[in-house]
């Protein structure tokens, strides 16, 4: 009885952990994406979620400035690529 209960709970829990780990991996991999890269949309979506979840106005301003600096860096990198 206990074994079957653990099995019923364990498999969905394992699937959830695998899903979260793979999602975290995609988000991490998208961090260096630039416009035109496949993961760029994930990078931008992650930033927007982070910004919307920030309740501290000062921190939100800092995040906005960080994102603007990142856009400038992406533009420089794209310019260098031609």
PDB file of N, CA and C in Angstrom:
ATOM      1  N   UNK A   1       0.824  -1.191   0.000  1.00  0.00           N
ATOM      2  CA  UNK A   1       0.000   0.000   0.000  1.00  0.00           C
ATOM      3  C   UNK A   1       0.869   1.255   0.000  1.00  0.00           C
ATOM      4  N   UNK A   2       1.832   1.326   0.905  1.00  0.00           N
ATOM      5  CA  UNK A   2       2.707   2.485   0.973  1.00  0.00           C
ATOM      6  C   UNK A   2       3.519   2.622  -0.312  1.00  0.00           C
ATOM      7  N   UNK A   3       3.985   1.498  -0.833  1.00  0.00           N
ATOM      8  CA  UNK A   3       4.775   1.520  -2.068  1.00  0.00           C
ATOM      9  C   UNK A   3       3.960   2.082  -3.223  1.00  0.00           C
ATOM     10  N   UNK A   4       2.714   1.665  -3.354  1.00  0.00           N
ATOM     11  CA  UNK A   4       1.892   2.164  -4.460  1.00  0.00           C
ATOM     12  C   UNK A   4       1.564   3.646  -4.281  1.00  0.00           C
ATOM     13  N   UNK A   5       1.386   4.087  -3.036  1.00  0.00           N
ATOM     14  CA  UNK A   5       1.135   5.504  -2.775  1.00  0.00           C
ATOM     15  C   UNK A   5       2.358   6.334  -3.142  1.00  0.00           C
ATOM     16  N   UNK A   6       3.551   5.861  -2.732  1.00  0.00           N
ATOM     17  CA  UNK A   6       4.782   6.558  -3.091  1.00  0.00           C
ATOM     18  C   UNK A   6       4.969   6.597  -4.597  1.00  0.00           C
ATOM     19  N   UNK A   7       4.612   5.492  -5.251  1.00  0.00           N
ATOM     20  CA  UNK A   7       4.744   5.433  -6.697  1.00  0.00           C
ATOM     21  C   UNK A   7       3.799   6.429  -7.364  1.00  0.00           C
ATOM     22  N   UNK A   8       2.573   6.544  -6.842  1.00  0.00           N
ATOM     23  CA  UNK A   8       1.598   7.472  -7.414  1.00  0.00           C
ATOM     24  C   UNK A   8       2.022   8.918  -7.212  1.00  0.00           C
ATOM     25  N   UNK A   9       2.611   9.210  -6.066  1.00  0.00           N
ATOM     26  CA  UNK A   9       3.066  10.563  -5.780  1.00  0.00           C
ATOM     27  C   UNK A   9       4.431  10.810  -6.420  1.00  0.00           C
ATOM     28  N   UNK A  10       5.282   9.814  -6.403  1.00  0.00           N
ATOM     29  CA  UNK A  10       6.656   9.956  -6.868  1.00  0.00           C
ATOM     30  C   UNK A  10       6.780  10.239  -8.342  1.00  0.00           C
ATOM     31  N   UNK A  11       6.007   9.574  -9.169  1.00  0.00           N
ATOM     32  CA  UNK A  11       6.112   9.759 -10.616  1.00  0.00           C
ATOM     33  C   UNK A  11       5.700  11.178 -11.021  1.00  0.00           C
ATOM     34  N   UNK A  12       4.535  11.677 -10.561  1.00  0.00           N
ATOM     35  CA  UNK A  12       4.212  13.068 -10.909  1.00  0.00           C
ATOM     36  C   UNK A  12       5.227  14.068 -10.343  1.00  0.00           C
ATOM     37  N   UNK A  13       5.725  13.815  -9.146  1.00  0.00           N
ATOM     38  CA  UNK A  13       6.723  14.710  -8.558  1.00  0.00           C
ATOM     39  C   UNK A  13       7.994  14.694  -9.392  1.00  0.00           C
ATOM     40  N   UNK A  14       8.402  13.523  -9.820  1.00  0.00           N
ATOM     41  CA  UNK A  14       9.589  13.406 -10.656  1.00  0.00           C
ATOM     42  C   UNK A  14       9.390  14.122 -11.989  1.00  0.00           C
ATOM     43  N   UNK A  15       8.202  13.997 -12.548  1.00  0.00           N
ATOM     44  CA  UNK A  15       7.901  14.688 -13.805  1.00  0.00           C
ATOM     45  C   UNK A  15       7.932  16.203 -13.612  1.00  0.00           C
ATOM     46  N   UNK A  16       7.421  16.670 -12.479  1.00  0.00           N
ATOM     47  CA  UNK A  16       7.438  18.102 -12.187  1.00  0.00           C
ATOM     48  C   UNK A  16       8.867  18.606 -12.041  1.00  0.00           C
ATOM     49  N   UNK A  17       9.687  17.853 -11.340  1.00  0.00           N
ATOM     50  CA  UNK A  17      11.089  18.247 -11.160  1.00  0.00           C
ATOM     51  C   UNK A  17      11.795  18.286 -12.517  1.00  0.00           C
ATOM     52  N   UNK A  18      11.545  17.295 -13.357  1.00  0.00           N
ATOM     53  CA  UNK A  18      12.164  17.260 -14.683  1.00  0.00           C
ATOM     54  C   UNK A  18      11.706  18.458 -15.524  1.00  0.00           C
ATOM     55  N   UNK A  19      10.424  18.778 -15.448  1.00  0.00           N
ATOM     56  CA  UNK A  19       9.894  19.923 -16.193  1.00  0.00           C
ATOM     57  C   UNK A  19      10.529  21.224 -15.714  1.00  0.00           C
ATOM     58  N   UNK A  20      10.595  21.407 -14.401  1.00  0.00           N
ATOM     59  CA  UNK A  20      11.180  22.635 -13.850  1.00  0.00           C
ATOM     60  C   UNK A  20      12.660  22.753 -14.196  1.00  0.00           C
ATOM     61  N   UNK A  21      13.369  21.636 -14.137  1.00  0.00           N
ATOM     62  CA  UNK A  21      14.795  21.655 -14.463  1.00  0.00           C
ATOM     63  C   UNK A  21      15.017  22.000 -15.934  1.00  0.00           C
ATOM     64  N   UNK A  22      14.210  21.416 -16.804  1.00  0.00           N
ATOM     65  CA  UNK A  22      14.389  21.711 -18.225  1.00  0.00           C
ATOM     66  C   UNK A  22      13.995  23.156 -18.534  1.00  0.00           C
ATOM     67  N   UNK A  23      12.962  23.653 -17.878  1.00  0.00           N
ATOM     68  CA  UNK A  23      12.561  25.043 -18.071  1.00  0.00           C
ATOM     69  C   UNK A  23      13.659  25.983 -17.582  1.00  0.00           C
ATOM     70  N   UNK A  24      14.207  25.686 -16.428  1.00  0.00           N
ATOM     71  CA  UNK A  24      15.303  26.516 -15.900  1.00  0.00           C
ATOM     72  C   UNK A  24      16.497  26.481 -16.845  1.00  0.00           C
ATOM     73  N   UNK A  25      16.763  25.331 -17.428  1.00  0.00           N
ATOM     74  CA  UNK A  25      17.870  25.216 -18.376  1.00  0.00           C
ATOM     75  C   UNK A  25      17.660  26.067 -19.613  1.00  0.00           C
ATOM     76  N   UNK A  26      16.437  26.095 -20.121  1.00  0.00           N
ATOM     77  CA  UNK A  26      16.131  26.918 -21.298  1.00  0.00           C
ATOM     78  C   UNK A  26      16.257  28.397 -20.960  1.00  0.00           C
ATOM     79  N   UNK A  27      15.738  28.785 -19.791  1.00  0.00           N
ATOM     80  CA  UNK A  27      15.832  30.190 -19.372  1.00  0.00           C
ATOM     81  C   UNK A  27      17.297  30.587 -19.218  1.00  0.00           C
ATOM     82  N   UNK A  28      18.094  29.737 -18.602  1.00  0.00           N
ATOM     83  CA  UNK A  28      19.517  30.029 -18.422  1.00  0.00           C
ATOM     84  C   UNK A  28      20.219  30.149 -19.783  1.00  0.00           C
ATOM     85  N   UNK A  29      19.914  29.218 -20.682  1.00  0.00           N
ATOM     86  CA  UNK A  29      20.545  29.229 -22.000  1.00  0.00           C
ATOM     87  C   UNK A  29      20.143  30.457 -22.815  1.00  0.00           C
ATOM     88  N   UNK A  30      18.951  30.980 -22.561  1.00  0.00           N
ATOM     89  CA  UNK A  30      18.467  32.123 -23.338  1.00  0.00           C
ATOM     90  C   UNK A  30      19.075  33.444 -22.881  1.00  0.00           C
ATOM     91  N   UNK A  31      19.762  33.449 -21.771  1.00  0.00           N
ATOM     92  CA  UNK A  31      20.266  34.700 -21.209  1.00  0.00           C
ATOM     93  C   UNK A  31      21.199  35.452 -22.152  1.00  0.00           C
ATOM     94  N   UNK A  32      21.954  34.756 -22.955  1.00  0.00           N
ATOM     95  CA  UNK A  32      22.893  35.405 -23.870  1.00  0.00           C
ATOM     96  C   UNK A  32      22.352  35.533 -25.292  1.00  0.00           C
ATOM     97  N   UNK A  33      21.070  35.267 -25.468  1.00  0.00           N
ATOM     98  CA  UNK A  33      20.474  35.332 -26.801  1.00  0.00           C
ATOM     99  C   UNK A  33      20.383  36.788 -27.264  1.00  0.00           C
ATOM    100  N   UNK A  34      20.514  36.967 -28.567  1.00  0.00           N
ATOM    101  CA  UNK A  34      20.365  38.284 -29.185  1.00  0.00           C
ATOM    102  C   UNK A  34      19.252  38.186 -30.227  1.00  0.00           C
ATOM    103  N   UNK A  35      18.716  39.326 -30.668  1.00  0.00           N
ATOM    104  CA  UNK A  35      17.668  39.267 -31.685  1.00  0.00           C
ATOM    105  C   UNK A  35      18.084  38.395 -32.865  1.00  0.00           C
ATOM    106  N   UNK A  36      17.168  37.547 -33.269  1.00  0.00           N
ATOM    107  CA  UNK A  36      17.445  36.602 -34.346  1.00  0.00           C
ATOM    108  C   UNK A  36      17.743  35.206 -33.841  1.00  0.00           C
ATOM    109  N   UNK A  37      18.170  35.082 -32.585  1.00  0.00           N
ATOM    110  CA  UNK A  37      18.398  33.765 -31.990  1.00  0.00           C
ATOM    111  C   UNK A  37      17.057  33.154 -31.607  1.00  0.00           C
ATOM    112  N   UNK A  38      16.982  31.846 -31.641  1.00  0.00           N
ATOM    113  CA  UNK A  38      15.724  31.154 -31.319  1.00  0.00           C
ATOM    114  C   UNK A  38      15.279  31.384 -29.878  1.00  0.00           C
ATOM    115  N   UNK A  39      16.213  31.532 -28.973  1.00  0.00           N
ATOM    116  CA  UNK A  39      15.853  31.670 -27.566  1.00  0.00           C
ATOM    117  C   UNK A  39      15.660  33.130 -27.147  1.00  0.00           C
ATOM    118  N   UNK A  40      15.764  34.053 -28.086  1.00  0.00           N
ATOM    119  CA  UNK A  40      15.633  35.470 -27.732  1.00  0.00           C
ATOM    120  C   UNK A  40      14.261  35.779 -27.135  1.00  0.00           C
ATOM    121  N   UNK A  41      13.220  35.168 -27.671  1.00  0.00           N
ATOM    122  CA  UNK A  41      11.875  35.411 -27.153  1.00  0.00           C
ATOM    123  C   UNK A  41      11.748  34.942 -25.703  1.00  0.00           C
ATOM    124  N   UNK A  42      12.445  33.868 -25.366  1.00  0.00           N
ATOM    125  CA  UNK A  42      12.441  33.377 -23.977  1.00  0.00           C
ATOM    126  C   UNK A  42      13.156  34.376 -23.083  1.00  0.00           C
ATOM    127  N   UNK A  43      14.264  34.904 -23.559  1.00  0.00           N
ATOM    128  CA  UNK A  43      15.017  35.901 -22.799  1.00  0.00           C
ATOM    129  C   UNK A  43      14.155  37.119 -22.510  1.00  0.00           C
ATOM    130  N   UNK A  44      13.481  37.631 -23.522  1.00  0.00           N
ATOM    131  CA  UNK A  44      12.635  38.821 -23.354  1.00  0.00           C
ATOM    132  C   UNK A  44      11.442  38.533 -22.449  1.00  0.00           C
ATOM    133  N   UNK A  45      10.827  37.384 -22.614  1.00  0.00           N
ATOM    134  CA  UNK A  45       9.675  37.029 -21.778  1.00  0.00           C
ATOM    135  C   UNK A  45      10.086  36.906 -20.311  1.00  0.00           C
ATOM    136  N   UNK A  46      11.245  36.307 -20.076  1.00  0.00           N
ATOM    137  CA  UNK A  46      11.754  36.181 -18.709  1.00  0.00           C
ATOM    138  C   UNK A  46      11.985  37.549 -18.088  1.00  0.00           C
ATOM    139  N   UNK A  47      12.539  38.458 -18.851  1.00  0.00           N
ATOM    140  CA  UNK A  47      12.759  39.818 -18.349  1.00  0.00           C
ATOM    141  C   UNK A  47      11.448  40.511 -18.005  1.00  0.00           C
ATOM    142  N   UNK A  48      10.464  40.366 -18.874  1.00  0.00           N
ATOM    143  CA  UNK A  48       9.175  41.012 -18.630  1.00  0.00           C
ATOM    144  C   UNK A  48       8.472  40.440 -17.393  1.00  0.00           C
ATOM    145  N   UNK A  49       8.563  39.146 -17.222  1.00  0.00           N
ATOM    146  CA  UNK A  49       7.987  38.515 -16.028  1.00  0.00           C
ATOM    147  C   UNK A  49       8.694  39.017 -14.786  1.00  0.00           C
ATOM    148  N   UNK A  50      10.006  39.059 -14.839  1.00  0.00           N
ATOM    149  CA  UNK A  50      10.791  39.542 -13.703  1.00  0.00           C
ATOM    150  C   UNK A  50      10.416  40.983 -13.367  1.00  0.00           C
ATOM    151  N   UNK A  51      10.267  41.810 -14.374  1.00  0.00           N
ATOM    152  CA  UNK A  51       9.919  43.214 -14.163  1.00  0.00           C
ATOM    153  C   UNK A  51       8.518  43.353 -13.558  1.00  0.00           C
ATOM    154  N   UNK A  52       7.585  42.581 -14.063  1.00  0.00           N
ATOM    155  CA  UNK A  52       6.206  42.667 -13.560  1.00  0.00           C
ATOM    156  C   UNK A  52       6.047  42.125 -12.150  1.00  0.00           C
ATOM    157  N   UNK A  53       6.914  41.204 -11.760  1.00  0.00           N
ATOM    158  CA  UNK A  53       6.840  40.648 -10.408  1.00  0.00           C
ATOM    159  C   UNK A  53       7.583  41.494  -9.379  1.00  0.00           C
ATOM    160  N   UNK A  54       8.295  42.505  -9.847  1.00  0.00           N
ATOM    161  CA  UNK A  54       9.053  43.373  -8.947  1.00  0.00           C
ATOM    162  C   UNK A  54       8.120  44.432  -8.374  1.00  0.00           C
ATOM    163  N   UNK A  55       8.004  44.439  -7.055  1.00  0.00           N
ATOM    164  CA  UNK A  55       7.087  45.380  -6.398  1.00  0.00           C
ATOM    165  C   UNK A  55       7.791  46.646  -5.917  1.00  0.00           C
ATOM    166  N   UNK A  56       9.085  46.586  -5.754  1.00  0.00           N
ATOM    167  CA  UNK A  56       9.846  47.741  -5.292  1.00  0.00           C
ATOM    168  C   UNK A  56      10.112  48.670  -6.477  1.00  0.00           C
ATOM    169  N   UNK A  57       9.604  49.909  -6.433  1.00  0.00           N
ATOM    170  CA  UNK A  57       9.789  50.824  -7.572  1.00  0.00           C
ATOM    171  C   UNK A  57      11.253  51.096  -7.922  1.00  0.00           C
ATOM    172  N   UNK A  58      12.105  51.211  -6.912  1.00  0.00           N
ATOM    173  CA  UNK A  58      13.536  51.436  -7.191  1.00  0.00           C
ATOM    174  C   UNK A  58      14.136  50.243  -7.919  1.00  0.00           C
ATOM    175  N   UNK A  59      13.802  49.059  -7.451  1.00  0.00           N
ATOM    176  CA  UNK A  59      14.320  47.841  -8.089  1.00  0.00           C
ATOM    177  C   UNK A  59      13.787  47.714  -9.512  1.00  0.00           C
ATOM    178  N   UNK A  60      12.526  48.085  -9.718  1.00  0.00           N
ATOM    179  CA  UNK A  60      11.946  48.036 -11.065  1.00  0.00           C
ATOM    180  C   UNK A  60      12.680  48.993 -11.997  1.00  0.00           C
ATOM    181  N   UNK A  61      13.017  50.170 -11.495  1.00  0.00           N
ATOM    182  CA  UNK A  61      13.781  51.131 -12.293  1.00  0.00           C
ATOM    183  C   UNK A  61      15.158  50.579 -12.629  1.00  0.00           C
ATOM    184  N   UNK A  62      15.814  49.987 -11.636  1.00  0.00           N
ATOM    185  CA  UNK A  62      17.131  49.385 -11.871  1.00  0.00           C
ATOM    186  C   UNK A  62      17.047  48.268 -12.913  1.00  0.00           C
ATOM    187  N   UNK A  63      16.015  47.443 -12.815  1.00  0.00           N
ATOM    188  CA  UNK A  63      15.842  46.364 -13.794  1.00  0.00           C
ATOM    189  C   UNK A  63      15.626  46.925 -15.191  1.00  0.00           C
ATOM    190  N   UNK A  64      14.805  47.981 -15.275  1.00  0.00           N
ATOM    191  CA  UNK A  64      14.575  48.615 -16.573  1.00  0.00           C
ATOM    192  C   UNK A  64      15.853  49.161 -17.179  1.00  0.00           C
ATOM    193  N   UNK A  65      16.673  49.770 -16.350  1.00  0.00           N
ATOM    194  CA  UNK A  65      17.963  50.279 -16.831  1.00  0.00           C
ATOM    195  C   UNK A  65      18.887  49.139 -17.255  1.00  0.00           C
ATOM    196  N   UNK A  66      18.915  48.065 -16.474  1.00  0.00           N
ATOM    197  CA  UNK A  66      19.720  46.889 -16.838  1.00  0.00           C
ATOM    198  C   UNK A  66      19.277  46.331 -18.188  1.00  0.00           C
ATOM    199  N   UNK A  67      17.964  46.275 -18.392  1.00  0.00           N
ATOM    200  CA  UNK A  67      17.437  45.745 -19.654  1.00  0.00           C
ATOM    201  C   UNK A  67      17.791  46.662 -20.815  1.00  0.00           C
ATOM    202  N   UNK A  68      17.743  47.968 -20.585  1.00  0.00           N
ATOM    203  CA  UNK A  68      18.120  48.916 -21.641  1.00  0.00           C
ATOM    204  C   UNK A  68      19.599  48.754 -21.999  1.00  0.00           C
ATOM    205  N   UNK A  69      20.439  48.568 -20.989  1.00  0.00           N
ATOM    206  CA  UNK A  69      21.863  48.344 -21.250  1.00  0.00           C
ATOM    207  C   UNK A  69      22.068  47.038 -22.023  1.00  0.00           C
ATOM    208  N   UNK A  70      21.278  46.038 -21.695  1.00  0.00           N
ATOM    209  CA  UNK A  70      21.386  44.763 -22.413  1.00  0.00           C
ATOM    210  C   UNK A  70      20.976  44.934 -23.872  1.00  0.00           C
ATOM    211  N   UNK A  71      19.920  45.725 -24.141  1.00  0.00           N
ATOM    212  CA  UNK A  71      19.514  45.975 -25.531  1.00  0.00           C
ATOM    213  C   UNK A  71      20.640  46.669 -26.298  1.00  0.00           C
ATOM    214  N   UNK A  72      21.309  47.641 -25.639  1.00  0.00           N
ATOM    215  CA  UNK A  72      22.438  48.319 -26.286  1.00  0.00           C
ATOM    216  C   UNK A  72      23.567  47.341 -26.594  1.00  0.00           C
ATOM    217  N   UNK A  73      23.861  46.454 -25.661  1.00  0.00           N
ATOM    218  CA  UNK A  73      24.914  45.465 -25.876  1.00  0.00           C
ATOM    219  C   UNK A  73      24.534  44.523 -27.021  1.00  0.00           C
ATOM    220  N   UNK A  74      23.268  44.141 -27.079  1.00  0.00           N
ATOM    221  CA  UNK A  74      22.805  43.282 -28.175  1.00  0.00           C
ATOM    222  C   UNK A  74      22.962  44.007 -29.514  1.00  0.00           C
ATOM    223  N   UNK A  75      22.636  45.297 -29.536  1.00  0.00           N
ATOM    224  CA  UNK A  75      22.778  46.075 -30.774  1.00  0.00           C
ATOM    225  C   UNK A  75      24.237  46.144 -31.203  1.00  0.00           C
ATOM    226  N   UNK A  76      25.127  46.343 -30.230  1.00  0.00           N
ATOM    227  CA  UNK A  76      26.568  46.369 -30.552  1.00  0.00           C
ATOM    228  C   UNK A  76      27.018  45.031 -31.134  1.00  0.00           C
ATOM    229  N   UNK A  77      26.560  43.953 -30.495  1.00  0.00           N
ATOM    230  CA  UNK A  77      26.959  42.616 -30.979  1.00  0.00           C
ATOM    231  C   UNK A  77      26.428  42.362 -32.376  1.00  0.00           C
ATOM    232  N   UNK A  78      25.198  42.730 -32.635  1.00  0.00           N
ATOM    233  CA  UNK A  78      24.633  42.549 -33.982  1.00  0.00           C
ATOM    234  C   UNK A  78      25.362  43.406 -34.996  1.00  0.00           C
ATOM    235  N   UNK A  79      25.753  44.614 -34.614  1.00  0.00           N
ATOM    236  CA  UNK A  79      26.496  45.491 -35.505  1.00  0.00           C
ATOM    237  C   UNK A  79      27.848  44.860 -35.864  1.00  0.00           C
ATOM    238  N   UNK A  80      28.510  44.283 -34.848  1.00  0.00           N
ATOM    239  CA  UNK A  80      29.801  43.633 -35.093  1.00  0.00           C
ATOM    240  C   UNK A  80      29.669  42.414 -35.995  1.00  0.00           C
ATOM    241  N   UNK A  81      28.547  41.713 -35.887  1.00  0.00           N
ATOM    242  CA  UNK A  81      28.309  40.551 -36.750  1.00  0.00           C
ATOM    243  C   UNK A  81      28.064  40.970 -38.195  1.00  0.00           C
ATOM    244  N   UNK A  82      27.632  42.196 -38.359  1.00  0.00           N
ATOM    245  CA  UNK A  82      27.361  42.693 -39.712  1.00  0.00           C
ATOM    246  C   UNK A  82      25.909  42.581 -40.037  1.00  0.00           C
TER     247      UNK A  82
END
